[in-house]
Structure formats: C-alpha cells, structure tokens
Amino acid sequence: MNDAISDKVKKLLRLAACKAATPAEAAAALNRAMELIGRHHIDIAARDLDEETERIVCERIKVGQRVSFIKRRCADILINYFKVRGIWDRDCLAVVGFEHDVTMAGYVFHFLVG
C-alpha cells in the first residue's frame, strides 16, 4: 500500500472515531475508509495504524445453515444502527468495524435473537 492511501485511511479512521464528529460525518468517514480498504485489498489487521486510530476487527457470528427471518432482521439492525458492516458467509455473519462497535453489535445481535 502506498503512503498516500495509508495516510488517507488513517485520517478517515481517526475522523470516524472522533468524538467531535457528527454521526453522519463519522459514518461517511468509516464507509470511505472501508471502501478504500476493499478497493486496494488492504489487510488492515496487519497494518500499524497508530495509537490514535482504533483497530478494525472482524467477528464471525454463527447463525446456522438456515438463516431465519428474525436473524436477518437483527443483522439489518446491526448494519443500520451501529457503525459496522455485515457480510453473509455460508453459516455465519461477519461483522466488520471498530473494535468497540463490533463487540457491542455482537452482544446486541445475541440479545435480540435470544
């Protein structure tokens, strides 16, 4: 990854984690950072972003072979109301985002499904 893209991703992630940013600004910054990460095939877990930038993590939530209507609606709630992205993969939902957002999204998913 070249330095310009690396710096851009760092700045976007800092903005997304900034407490002074509005929710719309933070969401837009996170979406743009995720877009750059995907487009340039960046392994963000292997990168040293710096202390100011929170880590982006991926957590897999087992949902089973047949995904019920309730589990799909709960996943929609996570994607729409938390700063995470969800990716369906066979029998699990991969939730990607900042560490604290992913942890909270996983907790809420299990709570709502339960």
C-alpha atoms as a PDB file:
ATOM      1  CA  MET A   1       0.000   0.000   0.000  1.00  0.00           C
ATOM      2  CA  ASN A   2       1.438   3.352  -0.904  1.00  0.00           C
ATOM      3  CA  ASP A   3       1.861   6.069   1.691  1.00  0.00           C
ATOM      4  CA  ALA A   4      -0.851   8.344   0.279  1.00  0.00           C
ATOM      5  CA  ILE A   5      -3.535   5.672   0.618  1.00  0.00           C
ATOM      6  CA  SER A   6      -2.233   4.658   4.032  1.00  0.00           C
ATOM      7  CA  ASP A   7      -2.398   8.255   5.256  1.00  0.00           C
ATOM      8  CA  LYS A   8      -5.884   8.698   3.802  1.00  0.00           C
ATOM      9  CA  VAL A   9      -7.161   5.565   5.562  1.00  0.00           C
ATOM     10  CA  LYS A  10      -5.584   6.672   8.856  1.00  0.00           C
ATOM     11  CA  LYS A  11      -7.182  10.119   8.612  1.00  0.00           C
ATOM     12  CA  LEU A  12     -10.589   8.672   7.781  1.00  0.00           C
ATOM     13  CA  LEU A  13     -10.416   6.218  10.682  1.00  0.00           C
ATOM     14  CA  ARG A  14      -9.381   8.997  13.063  1.00  0.00           C
ATOM     15  CA  LEU A  15     -12.356  11.070  11.901  1.00  0.00           C
ATOM     16  CA  ALA A  16     -14.705   8.103  12.309  1.00  0.00           C
ATOM     17  CA  ALA A  17     -13.504   7.612  15.900  1.00  0.00           C
ATOM     18  CA  CYS A  18     -13.511  11.327  16.755  1.00  0.00           C
ATOM     19  CA  LYS A  19     -15.995  12.318  19.456  1.00  0.00           C
ATOM     20  CA  ALA A  20     -16.414  15.796  17.929  1.00  0.00           C
ATOM     21  CA  ALA A  21     -17.601  14.428  14.570  1.00  0.00           C
ATOM     22  CA  THR A  22     -21.318  14.221  13.921  1.00  0.00           C
ATOM     23  CA  PRO A  23     -22.748  10.717  13.472  1.00  0.00           C
ATOM     24  CA  ALA A  24     -23.176  11.381   9.739  1.00  0.00           C
ATOM     25  CA  GLU A  25     -19.549  12.510   9.373  1.00  0.00           C
ATOM     26  CA  ALA A  26     -18.269   9.516  11.328  1.00  0.00           C
ATOM     27  CA  ALA A  27     -20.371   7.079   9.284  1.00  0.00           C
ATOM     28  CA  ALA A  28     -19.280   8.648   5.989  1.00  0.00           C
ATOM     29  CA  ALA A  29     -15.614   8.519   7.031  1.00  0.00           C
ATOM     30  CA  LEU A  30     -15.867   4.872   8.078  1.00  0.00           C
ATOM     31  CA  ASN A  31     -17.658   3.947   4.846  1.00  0.00           C
ATOM     32  CA  ARG A  32     -14.998   5.709   2.751  1.00  0.00           C
ATOM     33  CA  ALA A  33     -12.179   4.033   4.717  1.00  0.00           C
ATOM     34  CA  MET A  34     -13.809   0.608   4.263  1.00  0.00           C
ATOM     35  CA  GLU A  35     -14.215   1.324   0.544  1.00  0.00           C
ATOM     36  CA  LEU A  36     -10.502   2.184   0.197  1.00  0.00           C
ATOM     37  CA  ILE A  37      -9.513  -0.874   2.217  1.00  0.00           C
ATOM     38  CA  GLY A  38     -11.611  -3.104  -0.038  1.00  0.00           C
ATOM     39  CA  ARG A  39     -10.550  -1.486  -3.307  1.00  0.00           C
ATOM     40  CA  HIS A  40      -6.829  -1.715  -2.535  1.00  0.00           C
ATOM     41  CA  HIS A  41      -7.057  -5.147  -0.820  1.00  0.00           C
ATOM     42  CA  ILE A  42      -5.512  -3.878   2.390  1.00  0.00           C
ATOM     43  CA  ASP A  43      -5.127  -6.287   5.309  1.00  0.00           C
ATOM     44  CA  ILE A  44      -5.942  -3.707   7.960  1.00  0.00           C
ATOM     45  CA  ALA A  45      -5.258  -6.105  10.846  1.00  0.00           C
ATOM     46  CA  ALA A  46      -1.629  -6.406   9.725  1.00  0.00           C
ATOM     47  CA  ARG A  47      -1.120  -2.638   9.468  1.00  0.00           C
ATOM     48  CA  ASP A  48       0.221  -0.490  12.261  1.00  0.00           C
ATOM     49  CA  LEU A  49      -2.183   2.422  12.050  1.00  0.00           C
ATOM     50  CA  ASP A  50      -1.010   4.223  15.207  1.00  0.00           C
ATOM     51  CA  GLU A  51      -2.193   4.771  18.756  1.00  0.00           C
ATOM     52  CA  GLU A  52      -4.773   7.395  17.790  1.00  0.00           C
ATOM     53  CA  THR A  53      -6.621   5.043  15.474  1.00  0.00           C
ATOM     54  CA  GLU A  54      -8.696   2.275  16.933  1.00  0.00           C
ATOM     55  CA  ARG A  55      -8.285  -1.190  15.454  1.00  0.00           C
ATOM     56  CA  ILE A  56     -10.707  -2.501  12.868  1.00  0.00           C
ATOM     57  CA  VAL A  57     -11.731  -6.066  13.615  1.00  0.00           C
ATOM     58  CA  CYS A  58     -13.903  -8.778  12.111  1.00  0.00           C
ATOM     59  CA  GLU A  59     -16.044 -11.016  14.280  1.00  0.00           C
ATOM     60  CA  ARG A  60     -17.890 -14.024  12.927  1.00  0.00           C
ATOM     61  CA  ILE A  61     -21.313 -14.733  14.412  1.00  0.00           C
ATOM     62  CA  LYS A  62     -22.600 -18.267  13.844  1.00  0.00           C
ATOM     63  CA  VAL A  63     -26.174 -18.184  12.555  1.00  0.00           C
ATOM     64  CA  GLY A  64     -26.607 -21.759  11.280  1.00  0.00           C
ATOM     65  CA  GLN A  65     -27.267 -23.186   7.817  1.00  0.00           C
ATOM     66  CA  ARG A  66     -30.785 -21.785   7.560  1.00  0.00           C
ATOM     67  CA  VAL A  67     -30.986 -18.141   8.490  1.00  0.00           C
ATOM     68  CA  SER A  68     -34.350 -17.240   9.959  1.00  0.00           C
ATOM     69  CA  PHE A  69     -36.293 -14.062   9.263  1.00  0.00           C
ATOM     70  CA  ILE A  70     -35.547 -12.824  12.781  1.00  0.00           C
ATOM     71  CA  LYS A  71     -31.781 -13.308  12.393  1.00  0.00           C
ATOM     72  CA  ARG A  72     -31.830 -11.410   9.089  1.00  0.00           C
ATOM     73  CA  ARG A  73     -33.777  -8.520  10.636  1.00  0.00           C
ATOM     74  CA  CYS A  74     -31.394  -8.447  13.621  1.00  0.00           C
ATOM     75  CA  ALA A  75     -28.442  -8.298  11.208  1.00  0.00           C
ATOM     76  CA  ASP A  76     -30.165  -5.404   9.409  1.00  0.00           C
ATOM     77  CA  ILE A  77     -30.450  -3.566  12.735  1.00  0.00           C
ATOM     78  CA  LEU A  78     -26.715  -4.015  13.340  1.00  0.00           C
ATOM     79  CA  ILE A  79     -25.800  -2.709   9.905  1.00  0.00           C
ATOM     80  CA  ASN A  80     -28.217   0.236  10.008  1.00  0.00           C
ATOM     81  CA  TYR A  81     -27.788   1.426  13.593  1.00  0.00           C
ATOM     82  CA  PHE A  82     -24.211   0.508  14.510  1.00  0.00           C
ATOM     83  CA  LYS A  83     -21.072   1.618  12.693  1.00  0.00           C
ATOM     84  CA  VAL A  84     -20.412  -1.860  11.319  1.00  0.00           C
ATOM     85  CA  ARG A  85     -20.713  -3.710   8.057  1.00  0.00           C
ATOM     86  CA  GLY A  86     -22.099  -7.192   7.762  1.00  0.00           C
ATOM     87  CA  ILE A  87     -21.073  -9.859   5.287  1.00  0.00           C
ATOM     88  CA  TRP A  88     -23.043 -13.100   4.991  1.00  0.00           C
ATOM     89  CA  ASP A  89     -20.801 -16.124   4.576  1.00  0.00           C
ATOM     90  CA  ARG A  90     -22.422 -19.577   4.497  1.00  0.00           C
ATOM     91  CA  ASP A  91     -23.437 -20.252   8.081  1.00  0.00           C
ATOM     92  CA  CYS A  92     -22.146 -17.074   9.732  1.00  0.00           C
ATOM     93  CA  LEU A  93     -22.361 -13.300   9.646  1.00  0.00           C
ATOM     94  CA  ALA A  94     -19.014 -11.496   9.553  1.00  0.00           C
ATOM     95  CA  VAL A  95     -19.285  -8.134  11.316  1.00  0.00           C
ATOM     96  CA  VAL A  96     -16.539  -5.620  10.453  1.00  0.00           C
ATOM     97  CA  GLY A  97     -15.867  -2.286  12.146  1.00  0.00           C
ATOM     98  CA  PHE A  98     -14.104  -0.646  15.055  1.00  0.00           C
ATOM     99  CA  GLU A  99     -13.409  -2.976  17.951  1.00  0.00           C
ATOM    100  CA  HIS A 100     -15.915  -1.494  20.410  1.00  0.00           C
ATOM    101  CA  ASP A 101     -18.662  -1.233  17.751  1.00  0.00           C
ATOM    102  CA  VAL A 102     -18.208  -4.870  16.711  1.00  0.00           C
ATOM    103  CA  THR A 103     -18.283  -6.034  20.326  1.00  0.00           C
ATOM    104  CA  MET A 104     -21.490  -4.104  21.010  1.00  0.00           C
ATOM    105  CA  ALA A 105     -23.077  -5.277  17.739  1.00  0.00           C
ATOM    106  CA  GLY A 106     -22.333  -8.910  18.588  1.00  0.00           C
ATOM    107  CA  TYR A 107     -23.842  -8.506  22.044  1.00  0.00           C
ATOM    108  CA  VAL A 108     -26.983  -6.816  20.652  1.00  0.00           C
ATOM    109  CA  PHE A 109     -27.383  -9.483  17.944  1.00  0.00           C
ATOM    110  CA  HIS A 110     -27.310 -12.312  20.503  1.00  0.00           C
ATOM    111  CA  PHE A 111     -29.624 -10.372  22.824  1.00  0.00           C
ATOM    112  CA  LEU A 112     -32.215  -9.694  20.098  1.00  0.00           C
ATOM    113  CA  VAL A 113     -32.132 -13.213  18.696  1.00  0.00           C
ATOM    114  CA  GLY A 114     -32.408 -14.675  22.208  1.00  0.00           C
END
